[in-house]
Amino acid sequence: MSDNMTSAMKSTLKSTLKPTLKPTMKFALKSSLKSTLRSTTRAMFAASALALVATPLRSNAQTPALPRVTTQSFGGNALIFAVHAVSNNVVWASGTGGTILRTVDGGTSWHTRPVPGGDSLQFRDIHAFGADTAFALAIGNGEASRIYQTTDGGASWREQFRNRDSAAFYDCFTFLDSQRGIVFGDAAHGRTHILRTTNGGAQWALLPDASVPAPLAGEGAYAASGRCVVHGGDRVFVATGGPGSRLFVSDDGGATFSVRETPFVRSASSGTSGLAFRDANVGIGVAGDMTNLRGDTAAAVVAVTQDGGRTWSLRQRPPLPGALTGITWVPDAGVETVVAAGFGGVFSSTDGGRSWTTHTDQGFAGVDAVGKTAWVGGRGRMMRLDW
């Protein structure tokens, strides 16, 4: 968020994560036997229980397979705030310290693809169309907000946009296709800031006031995972953070937006942080308190919608404290399989957020998936989850 974000929130978001705990996953089986059963029947049940101890149980359902988790180091100490999985092999990622990464072998090796002179930039979002073409968004007040494009796999970059408005701050973007892109920025000058291109970034234009919702005082988004602007089909969704946790929706490819309410936690420092839509209607979102990154325990931080954000149902928050930054569907791992990331860990759910499995309690931020594989960005490392 912009200058409207408290200085405490800004410094917290930029601070170095210091993981102090080792990843743990605990599974337990509690079984009790009626005292009136015959001893032979008790023995049968006891033997069955012992055979199941090593397998985590879910009531009334067969236990889904847990993903295989691999940690991939890319060197350095950058925190990865955005991931875009193009295919099982091609993944792009970006983050602090001007970091832009690419793998073309599924993460076996990661290579930096830096923007010349961009070491101080915060690349909080990235969107790619293959191994060669990608767009990277740097965030910040004024000229720190920029958009770059590469068409040669990051060997070179061309600056497409530089923000000349010292009060404006751009947070996230998405591309519906190679020509149409949308960028959301924090409110400034009493208006909502949304940029749009229809020619692949050759020109970016600020949408007129009449085409966007009027902002709440201090309204903006959290550039925490590259998922505050997403799309399902041609429908575009923007998640605002504090103070309102509102949802902006466009049904015309980002030309105009309307506003919808959500049940997510909301305050000056709390709000929706990330969205994922499986199509134009079915979506899931996460939220958090961005001044309490490791300690946030707010309940209203996971919710799902079946009607494009008109109505929402709250779901269970993951079991560990910490502000959630982003979430993604894992499309071919089951219709309700998702992975959520945050400063309290990485979690997966196979029932749309009704229950969660913890994969680490260390802080991660950016997240995306393709097929049966999800990637999550951390500090100096990526996590890969395969179903």
Protein backbone atom coordinates (compact mmCIF):
# COMPACT_ATOMS: atom_id res chain seq x y z
CA MET A 1 0.00 0.00 0.00
CA SER A 2 1.01 3.65 -0.33
CA ASP A 3 1.75 6.41 2.16
CA ASN A 4 -1.72 5.71 3.51
CA MET A 5 -0.34 2.48 4.91
CA THR A 6 1.10 3.03 8.38
CA SER A 7 4.86 3.23 8.60
CA ALA A 8 4.76 0.27 10.98
CA MET A 9 3.05 -1.87 8.36
CA LYS A 10 5.52 -0.87 5.64
CA SER A 11 8.56 -1.64 7.77
CA THR A 12 7.07 -4.95 8.89
CA LEU A 13 6.37 -6.07 5.34
CA LYS A 14 9.93 -5.26 4.31
CA SER A 15 11.59 -6.77 7.41
CA THR A 16 13.67 -9.92 7.21
CA LEU A 17 11.86 -13.09 8.10
CA LYS A 18 13.71 -15.07 10.72
CA PRO A 19 12.30 -18.60 10.80
CA THR A 20 12.75 -20.07 14.25
CA LEU A 21 10.81 -23.29 14.10
CA LYS A 22 11.29 -26.52 12.25
CA PRO A 23 8.42 -27.77 10.03
CA THR A 24 6.13 -30.18 11.86
CA MET A 25 3.17 -32.21 10.86
CA LYS A 26 1.25 -33.97 13.55
CA PHE A 27 -1.36 -36.58 12.96
CA ALA A 28 -3.15 -38.53 15.66
CA LEU A 29 -5.77 -41.24 15.85
CA LYS A 30 -7.98 -41.54 18.85
CA SER A 31 -9.99 -44.74 19.14
CA SER A 32 -12.14 -45.97 21.96
CA LEU A 33 -13.86 -49.30 22.34
CA LYS A 34 -17.03 -50.06 24.17
CA SER A 35 -16.44 -51.99 27.35
CA THR A 36 -19.35 -54.31 26.62
CA LEU A 37 -17.78 -55.78 23.49
CA ARG A 38 -16.44 -59.27 23.71
CA SER A 39 -12.68 -59.59 23.99
CA THR A 40 -12.36 -61.00 20.48
CA THR A 41 -14.23 -58.03 19.02
CA ARG A 42 -12.01 -55.64 21.01
CA ALA A 43 -8.94 -57.32 19.57
CA MET A 44 -10.25 -56.88 16.03
CA PHE A 45 -10.85 -53.18 16.52
CA ALA A 46 -7.50 -52.68 18.26
CA ALA A 47 -5.64 -54.33 15.40
CA SER A 48 -7.47 -52.14 12.89
CA ALA A 49 -6.62 -49.01 14.86
CA LEU A 50 -2.94 -49.89 15.03
CA ALA A 51 -2.84 -50.35 11.28
CA LEU A 52 -4.20 -46.85 10.79
CA VAL A 53 -2.04 -44.91 13.25
CA ALA A 54 0.44 -43.78 10.59
CA THR A 55 -2.29 -42.37 8.36
CA PRO A 56 -3.98 -38.99 9.12
CA LEU A 57 -7.74 -39.41 9.27
CA ARG A 58 -10.60 -37.27 8.03
CA SER A 59 -14.06 -38.17 9.24
CA ASN A 60 -16.50 -39.79 6.83
CA ALA A 61 -14.06 -39.67 3.91
CA GLN A 62 -11.12 -41.53 2.49
CA THR A 63 -7.89 -39.74 3.33
CA PRO A 64 -6.56 -37.87 0.27
CA ALA A 65 -2.94 -38.37 -0.63
CA LEU A 66 -0.57 -35.75 0.76
CA PRO A 67 1.65 -33.92 -1.73
CA ARG A 68 5.32 -34.67 -2.12
CA VAL A 69 7.18 -31.58 -0.89
CA THR A 70 10.55 -30.50 -2.28
CA THR A 71 12.56 -27.45 -1.27
CA GLN A 72 14.54 -25.79 -4.05
CA SER A 73 17.27 -23.25 -3.27
CA PHE A 74 17.96 -20.47 -5.74
CA GLY A 75 20.80 -18.79 -3.84
CA GLY A 76 20.82 -15.38 -2.25
CA ASN A 77 18.47 -14.05 0.41
CA ALA A 78 15.64 -12.50 -1.61
CA LEU A 79 12.07 -13.02 -0.47
CA ILE A 80 9.87 -14.19 -3.34
CA PHE A 81 6.56 -12.34 -3.39
CA ALA A 82 5.18 -13.55 -6.74
CA VAL A 83 5.20 -16.81 -8.69
CA HIS A 84 3.74 -17.60 -12.11
CA ALA A 85 3.69 -21.24 -13.15
CA VAL A 86 3.35 -21.43 -16.93
CA SER A 87 3.81 -25.20 -17.24
CA ASN A 88 5.26 -28.11 -15.31
CA ASN A 89 8.71 -26.98 -16.41
CA VAL A 90 8.51 -23.21 -16.91
CA VAL A 91 8.03 -21.06 -13.80
CA TRP A 92 8.85 -17.40 -13.20
CA ALA A 93 9.22 -15.74 -9.79
CA SER A 94 10.08 -12.29 -8.44
CA GLY A 95 10.70 -10.48 -5.18
CA THR A 96 12.94 -8.21 -3.18
CA GLY A 97 16.28 -6.77 -4.20
CA GLY A 98 15.38 -6.61 -7.89
CA THR A 99 15.07 -10.40 -8.02
CA ILE A 100 13.54 -12.09 -11.05
CA LEU A 101 13.97 -15.84 -11.47
CA ARG A 102 13.14 -18.41 -14.11
CA THR A 103 13.29 -22.18 -14.30
CA VAL A 104 12.75 -24.23 -17.45
CA ASP A 105 13.27 -27.62 -15.80
CA GLY A 106 10.64 -27.63 -13.08
CA GLY A 107 12.88 -26.08 -10.48
CA THR A 108 15.87 -28.38 -10.75
CA SER A 109 17.76 -25.18 -11.49
CA TRP A 110 16.76 -21.54 -11.07
CA HIS A 111 18.47 -18.69 -12.89
CA THR A 112 18.32 -14.96 -12.23
CA ARG A 113 16.98 -12.76 -15.00
CA PRO A 114 17.72 -9.28 -13.61
CA VAL A 115 16.58 -5.94 -14.97
CA PRO A 116 19.74 -3.85 -15.52
CA GLY A 117 19.98 -1.19 -12.82
CA GLY A 118 16.99 -2.63 -10.98
CA ASP A 119 18.73 -3.96 -7.87
CA SER A 120 16.77 -1.67 -5.57
CA LEU A 121 13.37 -2.45 -7.04
CA GLN A 122 10.71 -4.57 -5.32
CA PHE A 123 9.28 -6.88 -7.96
CA ARG A 124 6.04 -7.92 -6.27
CA ASP A 125 4.25 -9.41 -9.29
CA ILE A 126 5.14 -11.30 -12.45
CA HIS A 127 3.12 -12.71 -15.33
CA ALA A 128 4.51 -14.87 -18.13
CA PHE A 129 3.36 -16.39 -21.40
CA GLY A 130 6.07 -18.99 -21.74
CA ALA A 131 9.82 -19.34 -21.34
CA ASP A 132 10.49 -16.19 -23.37
CA THR A 133 7.81 -13.57 -22.71
CA ALA A 134 7.10 -12.15 -19.26
CA PHE A 135 6.00 -8.94 -17.55
CA ALA A 136 7.35 -7.81 -14.16
CA LEU A 137 5.79 -5.21 -11.85
CA ALA A 138 7.91 -3.20 -9.41
CA ILE A 139 5.98 -1.53 -6.58
CA GLY A 140 6.40 1.65 -4.58
CA ASN A 141 5.53 5.33 -4.47
CA GLY A 142 6.12 7.42 -7.55
CA GLU A 143 8.75 6.20 -9.99
CA ALA A 144 9.42 3.03 -7.99
CA SER A 145 6.24 1.61 -9.58
CA ARG A 146 7.27 0.29 -13.01
CA ILE A 147 6.40 -2.40 -15.53
CA TYR A 148 9.02 -4.23 -17.58
CA GLN A 149 8.67 -6.76 -20.41
CA THR A 150 11.03 -9.38 -21.80
CA THR A 151 10.61 -11.35 -25.01
CA ASP A 152 13.91 -13.24 -24.83
CA GLY A 153 13.62 -15.12 -21.55
CA GLY A 154 14.96 -12.28 -19.42
CA ALA A 155 18.19 -11.76 -21.34
CA SER A 156 16.98 -8.18 -21.84
CA TRP A 157 14.10 -6.08 -20.50
CA ARG A 158 12.19 -3.11 -21.85
CA GLU A 159 10.57 -0.58 -19.55
CA GLN A 160 6.91 -0.24 -20.53
CA PHE A 161 5.62 2.01 -17.78
CA ARG A 162 7.05 4.30 -15.10
CA ASN A 163 4.73 5.99 -12.64
CA ARG A 164 5.19 9.76 -12.74
CA ASP A 165 2.60 10.48 -10.03
CA SER A 166 4.44 10.78 -6.71
CA ALA A 167 1.24 9.98 -4.78
CA ALA A 168 0.38 6.82 -6.72
CA PHE A 169 1.52 3.33 -5.72
CA TYR A 170 0.81 0.24 -7.84
CA ASP A 171 0.47 -3.16 -6.17
CA CYS A 172 -0.51 -6.07 -8.46
CA PHE A 173 -1.43 -6.91 -12.02
CA THR A 174 -2.86 -9.63 -14.21
CA PHE A 175 -3.07 -10.35 -17.92
CA LEU A 176 -6.18 -11.88 -19.46
CA ASP A 177 -4.15 -12.64 -22.58
CA SER A 178 -1.01 -11.32 -24.27
CA GLN A 179 -2.73 -8.02 -25.12
CA ARG A 180 -5.02 -7.18 -22.19
CA GLY A 181 -3.57 -6.33 -18.78
CA ILE A 182 -4.87 -4.69 -15.59
CA VAL A 183 -2.86 -3.00 -12.81
CA PHE A 184 -4.34 -1.93 -9.47
CA GLY A 185 -2.95 0.88 -7.33
CA ASP A 186 -3.74 2.44 -3.98
CA ALA A 187 -6.18 5.32 -3.86
CA ALA A 188 -4.60 8.73 -4.43
CA HIS A 189 -5.99 12.21 -5.11
CA GLY A 190 -9.37 10.94 -3.86
CA ARG A 191 -9.77 8.38 -6.65
CA THR A 192 -9.16 4.70 -7.40
CA HIS A 193 -6.14 3.97 -9.60
CA ILE A 194 -6.48 1.17 -12.16
CA LEU A 195 -4.33 1.00 -15.30
CA ARG A 196 -5.30 -0.97 -18.41
CA THR A 197 -3.57 -1.98 -21.62
CA THR A 198 -5.16 -3.51 -24.70
CA ASN A 199 -1.99 -3.71 -26.79
CA GLY A 200 0.40 -5.82 -24.77
CA GLY A 201 1.69 -2.96 -22.65
CA ALA A 202 2.68 -0.62 -25.47
CA GLN A 203 0.41 1.89 -23.73
CA TRP A 204 -1.03 1.85 -20.23
CA ALA A 205 -4.01 4.14 -19.54
CA LEU A 206 -5.58 5.18 -16.23
CA LEU A 207 -9.26 4.27 -16.19
CA PRO A 208 -11.55 7.28 -15.81
CA ASP A 209 -13.24 8.01 -12.48
CA ALA A 210 -16.62 6.96 -13.84
CA SER A 211 -15.30 3.47 -14.65
CA VAL A 212 -14.05 2.59 -11.17
CA PRO A 213 -15.57 2.54 -7.67
CA ALA A 214 -15.01 5.55 -5.45
CA PRO A 215 -12.37 4.64 -2.86
CA LEU A 216 -12.69 4.44 0.89
CA ALA A 217 -10.33 6.72 2.77
CA GLY A 218 -6.89 5.13 2.72
CA GLU A 219 -8.00 2.21 0.55
CA GLY A 220 -5.36 0.16 -1.19
CA ALA A 221 -4.12 -3.38 -1.71
CA TYR A 222 -1.42 -5.56 -0.18
CA ALA A 223 1.46 -6.31 -2.55
CA ALA A 224 2.09 -9.50 -0.63
CA SER A 225 1.76 -12.33 -3.16
CA GLY A 226 0.96 -10.94 -6.60
CA ARG A 227 -2.61 -12.12 -6.10
CA CYS A 228 -4.54 -8.94 -5.29
CA VAL A 229 -5.52 -8.78 -8.99
CA VAL A 230 -6.60 -12.03 -10.69
CA HIS A 231 -9.05 -13.13 -13.36
CA GLY A 232 -11.39 -16.00 -14.09
CA GLY A 233 -12.11 -16.09 -17.80
CA ASP A 234 -12.74 -12.49 -18.84
CA ARG A 235 -13.94 -11.50 -15.36
CA VAL A 236 -11.33 -9.50 -13.42
CA PHE A 237 -11.19 -9.39 -9.62
CA VAL A 238 -9.35 -6.90 -7.40
CA ALA A 239 -8.95 -7.53 -3.65
CA THR A 240 -8.54 -4.42 -1.53
CA GLY A 241 -6.88 -4.63 1.86
CA GLY A 242 -7.54 -2.20 4.68
CA PRO A 243 -9.73 -0.61 5.63
CA GLY A 244 -12.64 -2.30 3.81
CA SER A 245 -11.63 -5.71 2.38
CA ARG A 246 -13.74 -4.90 -0.66
CA LEU A 247 -13.87 -6.72 -3.99
CA PHE A 248 -13.80 -4.85 -7.31
CA VAL A 249 -15.21 -6.85 -10.24
CA SER A 250 -15.08 -6.24 -13.99
CA ASP A 251 -17.26 -8.16 -16.44
CA ASP A 252 -15.85 -6.45 -19.54
CA GLY A 253 -12.19 -7.38 -19.44
CA GLY A 254 -11.17 -4.58 -17.07
CA ALA A 255 -12.82 -1.63 -18.81
CA THR A 256 -15.21 -0.89 -15.93
CA PHE A 257 -15.49 -2.11 -12.33
CA SER A 258 -18.21 -2.47 -9.73
CA VAL A 259 -17.79 -3.14 -6.01
CA ARG A 260 -18.87 -6.06 -3.82
CA GLU A 261 -18.54 -6.67 -0.10
CA THR A 262 -16.68 -9.58 1.50
CA PRO A 263 -16.62 -11.16 4.99
CA PHE A 264 -12.84 -10.92 5.41
CA VAL A 265 -11.22 -9.30 8.43
CA ARG A 266 -10.90 -5.54 8.01
CA SER A 267 -9.13 -2.66 9.78
CA ALA A 268 -6.59 0.01 8.95
CA SER A 269 -3.94 -2.72 8.75
CA SER A 270 -6.01 -5.83 7.97
CA GLY A 271 -7.76 -6.96 4.82
CA THR A 272 -7.87 -9.32 1.87
CA SER A 273 -4.39 -10.19 0.65
CA GLY A 274 -4.86 -12.75 -2.10
CA LEU A 275 -7.44 -14.33 -4.42
CA ALA A 276 -7.69 -17.32 -6.74
CA PHE A 277 -10.55 -17.99 -9.16
CA ARG A 278 -11.03 -21.33 -10.85
CA ASP A 279 -13.39 -19.73 -13.36
CA ALA A 280 -15.58 -16.63 -13.51
CA ASN A 281 -17.59 -17.71 -10.45
CA VAL A 282 -15.73 -20.12 -8.17
CA GLY A 283 -13.11 -18.40 -6.07
CA ILE A 284 -11.28 -18.46 -2.75
CA GLY A 285 -9.48 -15.69 -0.88
CA VAL A 286 -7.24 -15.12 2.12
CA ALA A 287 -6.57 -12.16 4.39
CA GLY A 288 -4.41 -11.04 7.28
CA ASP A 289 -3.13 -8.32 9.58
CA MET A 290 -0.06 -6.86 7.91
CA THR A 291 1.24 -5.36 11.16
CA ASN A 292 1.25 -8.75 12.89
CA LEU A 293 2.85 -10.97 10.28
CA ARG A 294 3.88 -13.87 12.52
CA GLY A 295 1.23 -13.54 15.22
CA ASP A 296 -2.04 -12.88 13.41
CA THR A 297 -4.83 -15.19 14.61
CA ALA A 298 -7.89 -13.48 13.09
CA ALA A 299 -10.64 -15.97 12.24
CA ALA A 300 -12.15 -14.36 9.13
CA VAL A 301 -9.18 -14.94 6.82
CA VAL A 302 -10.35 -17.70 4.43
CA ALA A 303 -13.58 -17.60 2.42
CA VAL A 304 -15.02 -19.08 -0.77
CA THR A 305 -17.51 -17.84 -3.34
CA GLN A 306 -19.55 -19.73 -5.91
CA ASP A 307 -21.08 -16.70 -7.66
CA GLY A 308 -18.24 -14.42 -8.64
CA GLY A 309 -17.95 -12.70 -5.26
CA ARG A 310 -21.58 -11.75 -4.73
CA THR A 311 -21.78 -14.01 -1.67
CA TRP A 312 -19.07 -15.65 0.42
CA SER A 313 -18.79 -18.47 2.97
CA LEU A 314 -16.07 -18.32 5.61
CA ARG A 315 -13.85 -21.38 5.98
CA GLN A 316 -11.39 -22.54 8.64
CA ARG A 317 -8.15 -20.61 8.99
CA PRO A 318 -4.95 -22.71 8.83
CA PRO A 319 -3.82 -24.01 12.23
CA LEU A 320 -0.78 -21.77 12.81
CA PRO A 321 -0.73 -18.03 13.56
CA GLY A 322 0.51 -15.64 10.90
CA ALA A 323 -0.86 -13.32 8.23
CA LEU A 324 -1.83 -15.13 5.03
CA THR A 325 -0.49 -13.64 1.80
CA GLY A 326 -1.80 -15.72 -1.08
CA ILE A 327 -3.66 -18.80 -2.22
CA THR A 328 -3.99 -20.85 -5.40
CA TRP A 329 -6.11 -23.68 -6.75
CA VAL A 330 -4.14 -26.76 -7.82
CA PRO A 331 -6.31 -27.45 -10.86
CA ASP A 332 -5.63 -31.12 -11.58
CA ALA A 333 -5.17 -32.28 -7.98
CA GLY A 334 -8.89 -32.21 -7.19
CA VAL A 335 -11.65 -29.64 -7.55
CA GLU A 336 -11.18 -28.35 -3.99
CA THR A 337 -7.40 -28.62 -3.65
CA VAL A 338 -5.70 -25.35 -2.72
CA VAL A 339 -2.36 -24.18 -1.34
CA ALA A 340 -2.13 -21.14 0.93
CA ALA A 341 1.01 -19.25 1.87
CA GLY A 342 1.76 -16.76 4.58
CA PHE A 343 4.18 -15.54 7.18
CA GLY A 344 3.09 -18.39 9.45
CA GLY A 345 3.75 -21.20 6.98
CA VAL A 346 2.55 -23.12 3.93
CA PHE A 347 -0.68 -25.10 4.06
CA SER A 348 -2.72 -27.27 1.71
CA SER A 349 -6.37 -28.27 1.73
CA THR A 350 -8.21 -30.83 -0.36
CA ASP A 351 -11.66 -29.73 0.79
CA GLY A 352 -11.70 -26.06 -0.13
CA GLY A 353 -10.38 -24.76 3.18
CA ARG A 354 -12.53 -26.76 5.59
CA SER A 355 -9.39 -28.43 6.94
CA TRP A 356 -5.67 -27.92 6.42
CA THR A 357 -2.36 -29.77 6.36
CA THR A 358 0.73 -27.84 7.50
CA HIS A 359 3.89 -28.25 5.40
CA THR A 360 6.14 -25.74 7.19
CA ASP A 361 5.85 -23.02 9.82
CA GLN A 362 8.44 -20.85 8.09
CA GLY A 363 7.35 -17.73 6.25
CA PHE A 364 6.51 -17.87 2.52
CA ALA A 365 4.68 -15.37 0.29
CA GLY A 366 4.13 -15.87 -3.47
CA VAL A 367 2.18 -18.92 -4.67
CA ASP A 368 0.89 -20.37 -7.95
CA ALA A 369 0.08 -23.75 -9.47
CA VAL A 370 -0.37 -25.58 -12.74
CA GLY A 371 -1.57 -29.16 -13.29
CA LYS A 372 -0.89 -31.12 -10.10
CA THR A 373 2.02 -28.96 -8.94
CA ALA A 374 2.18 -25.83 -6.79
CA TRP A 375 5.16 -23.55 -6.19
CA VAL A 376 5.56 -21.26 -3.18
CA GLY A 377 8.20 -18.57 -2.81
CA GLY A 378 10.20 -18.04 0.38
CA ARG A 379 13.45 -16.40 1.37
CA GLY A 380 16.25 -17.86 -0.73
CA ARG A 381 14.18 -20.91 -1.62
CA MET A 382 11.13 -22.23 -3.41
CA MET A 383 8.83 -24.98 -2.20
CA ARG A 384 7.35 -27.39 -4.73
CA LEU A 385 4.30 -29.51 -3.86
CA ASP A 386 3.36 -32.40 -6.19
CA TRP A 387 0.15 -34.41 -6.02
